Amino acid sequence: MAVQQEKARQLIDGMSRFPQTENAVQASENLGGVLDSANHNYQVLCRR
């Protein structure tokens, strides 16, 4: 889970540096994927 949190932090940090809209959109989509993955991992852990 810590790895997923670090990936999300890096993507958020990177999004603030993008001067072009399309890059920010791509970063946002990537962040959404990371958050979906982290949520899935959390749900799996809760079932145990």
N, C-alpha and C. Protein backbone atom coordinates (compact mmCIF):
# COMPACT_ATOMS: atom_id res chain seq x y z
N MET A 1 0.83 -1.19 0.00
CA MET A 1 0.00 0.00 0.00
C MET A 1 0.87 1.25 0.00
N ALA A 2 1.99 1.22 0.70
CA ALA A 2 2.88 2.38 0.74
C ALA A 2 3.43 2.69 -0.65
N VAL A 3 3.66 1.66 -1.44
CA VAL A 3 4.17 1.87 -2.80
C VAL A 3 3.11 2.60 -3.63
N GLN A 4 1.85 2.21 -3.49
CA GLN A 4 0.77 2.87 -4.22
C GLN A 4 0.64 4.33 -3.77
N GLN A 5 0.77 4.58 -2.48
CA GLN A 5 0.68 5.94 -1.98
C GLN A 5 1.81 6.79 -2.53
N GLU A 6 3.00 6.23 -2.62
CA GLU A 6 4.14 6.97 -3.16
C GLU A 6 3.93 7.27 -4.64
N LYS A 7 3.40 6.30 -5.40
CA LYS A 7 3.12 6.54 -6.82
C LYS A 7 2.11 7.67 -6.98
N ALA A 8 1.07 7.64 -6.15
CA ALA A 8 0.05 8.69 -6.21
C ALA A 8 0.66 10.04 -5.87
N ARG A 9 1.51 10.08 -4.85
CA ARG A 9 2.16 11.34 -4.47
C ARG A 9 3.01 11.88 -5.61
N GLN A 10 3.76 10.99 -6.25
CA GLN A 10 4.61 11.42 -7.37
C GLN A 10 3.79 11.94 -8.53
N LEU A 11 2.67 11.28 -8.83
CA LEU A 11 1.82 11.75 -9.91
C LEU A 11 1.20 13.11 -9.60
N ILE A 12 0.75 13.29 -8.37
CA ILE A 12 0.18 14.58 -7.97
C ILE A 12 1.25 15.66 -8.06
N ASP A 13 2.44 15.35 -7.59
CA ASP A 13 3.56 16.29 -7.66
C ASP A 13 3.87 16.63 -9.12
N GLY A 14 3.89 15.61 -9.97
CA GLY A 14 4.17 15.83 -11.38
C GLY A 14 3.09 16.64 -12.08
N MET A 15 1.84 16.44 -11.70
CA MET A 15 0.74 17.17 -12.32
C MET A 15 0.89 18.67 -12.13
N SER A 16 1.41 19.08 -10.99
CA SER A 16 1.55 20.51 -10.72
C SER A 16 2.63 21.16 -11.58
N ARG A 17 3.45 20.36 -12.24
CA ARG A 17 4.54 20.90 -13.05
C ARG A 17 4.25 20.90 -14.55
N PHE A 18 3.11 20.33 -14.96
CA PHE A 18 2.82 20.24 -16.39
C PHE A 18 2.29 21.57 -16.93
N PRO A 19 2.98 22.16 -17.91
CA PRO A 19 2.50 23.41 -18.49
C PRO A 19 1.41 23.20 -19.54
N GLN A 20 1.32 22.01 -20.09
CA GLN A 20 0.37 21.76 -21.17
C GLN A 20 -0.83 20.98 -20.65
N THR A 21 -2.01 21.39 -21.11
CA THR A 21 -3.25 20.78 -20.63
C THR A 21 -3.29 19.29 -20.89
N GLU A 22 -2.88 18.86 -22.08
CA GLU A 22 -2.99 17.43 -22.39
C GLU A 22 -2.10 16.59 -21.48
N ASN A 23 -0.97 17.14 -21.06
CA ASN A 23 -0.11 16.41 -20.13
C ASN A 23 -0.77 16.29 -18.77
N ALA A 24 -1.44 17.35 -18.34
CA ALA A 24 -2.15 17.31 -17.06
C ALA A 24 -3.29 16.31 -17.11
N VAL A 25 -3.97 16.24 -18.25
CA VAL A 25 -5.06 15.28 -18.41
C VAL A 25 -4.51 13.86 -18.33
N GLN A 26 -3.40 13.62 -19.00
CA GLN A 26 -2.78 12.29 -18.97
C GLN A 26 -2.35 11.93 -17.54
N ALA A 27 -1.77 12.89 -16.84
CA ALA A 27 -1.34 12.63 -15.46
C ALA A 27 -2.55 12.33 -14.58
N SER A 28 -3.64 13.05 -14.82
CA SER A 28 -4.86 12.82 -14.05
C SER A 28 -5.41 11.41 -14.29
N GLU A 29 -5.37 10.97 -15.55
CA GLU A 29 -5.82 9.62 -15.87
C GLU A 29 -4.92 8.58 -15.21
N ASN A 30 -3.63 8.83 -15.22
CA ASN A 30 -2.69 7.91 -14.57
C ASN A 30 -2.95 7.84 -13.07
N LEU A 31 -3.19 9.00 -12.47
CA LEU A 31 -3.47 9.04 -11.04
C LEU A 31 -4.75 8.26 -10.73
N GLY A 32 -5.75 8.42 -11.57
CA GLY A 32 -6.99 7.66 -11.38
C GLY A 32 -6.73 6.17 -11.39
N GLY A 33 -5.86 5.72 -12.28
CA GLY A 33 -5.51 4.30 -12.33
C GLY A 33 -4.81 3.84 -11.07
N VAL A 34 -3.90 4.66 -10.57
CA VAL A 34 -3.18 4.31 -9.35
C VAL A 34 -4.15 4.24 -8.17
N LEU A 35 -5.06 5.20 -8.10
CA LEU A 35 -6.03 5.20 -7.00
C LEU A 35 -6.97 4.01 -7.10
N ASP A 36 -7.39 3.65 -8.31
CA ASP A 36 -8.22 2.45 -8.48
C ASP A 36 -7.49 1.21 -8.00
N SER A 37 -6.23 1.12 -8.34
CA SER A 37 -5.43 -0.04 -7.93
C SER A 37 -5.28 -0.08 -6.41
N ALA A 38 -5.02 1.08 -5.82
CA ALA A 38 -4.87 1.14 -4.36
C ALA A 38 -6.19 0.77 -3.68
N ASN A 39 -7.30 1.24 -4.23
CA ASN A 39 -8.60 0.91 -3.66
C ASN A 39 -8.86 -0.60 -3.75
N HIS A 40 -8.51 -1.19 -4.87
CA HIS A 40 -8.68 -2.65 -5.03
C HIS A 40 -7.85 -3.39 -3.98
N ASN A 41 -6.59 -2.97 -3.81
CA ASN A 41 -5.73 -3.61 -2.82
C ASN A 41 -6.31 -3.48 -1.42
N TYR A 42 -6.86 -2.31 -1.10
CA TYR A 42 -7.48 -2.08 0.20
C TYR A 42 -8.69 -3.00 0.39
N GLN A 43 -9.51 -3.12 -0.65
CA GLN A 43 -10.69 -3.98 -0.56
C GLN A 43 -10.29 -5.44 -0.33
N VAL A 44 -9.24 -5.88 -1.01
CA VAL A 44 -8.76 -7.26 -0.83
C VAL A 44 -8.28 -7.46 0.60
N LEU A 45 -7.57 -6.49 1.14
CA LEU A 45 -7.08 -6.61 2.52
C LEU A 45 -8.23 -6.62 3.52
N CYS A 46 -9.28 -5.87 3.25
CA CYS A 46 -10.42 -5.82 4.17
C CYS A 46 -11.17 -7.15 4.23
N ARG A 47 -11.10 -7.93 3.18
CA ARG A 47 -11.81 -9.22 3.15
C ARG A 47 -11.13 -10.28 4.00
N ARG A 48 -9.92 -10.04 4.39
CA ARG A 48 -9.17 -11.06 5.14
C ARG A 48 -9.45 -10.98 6.61
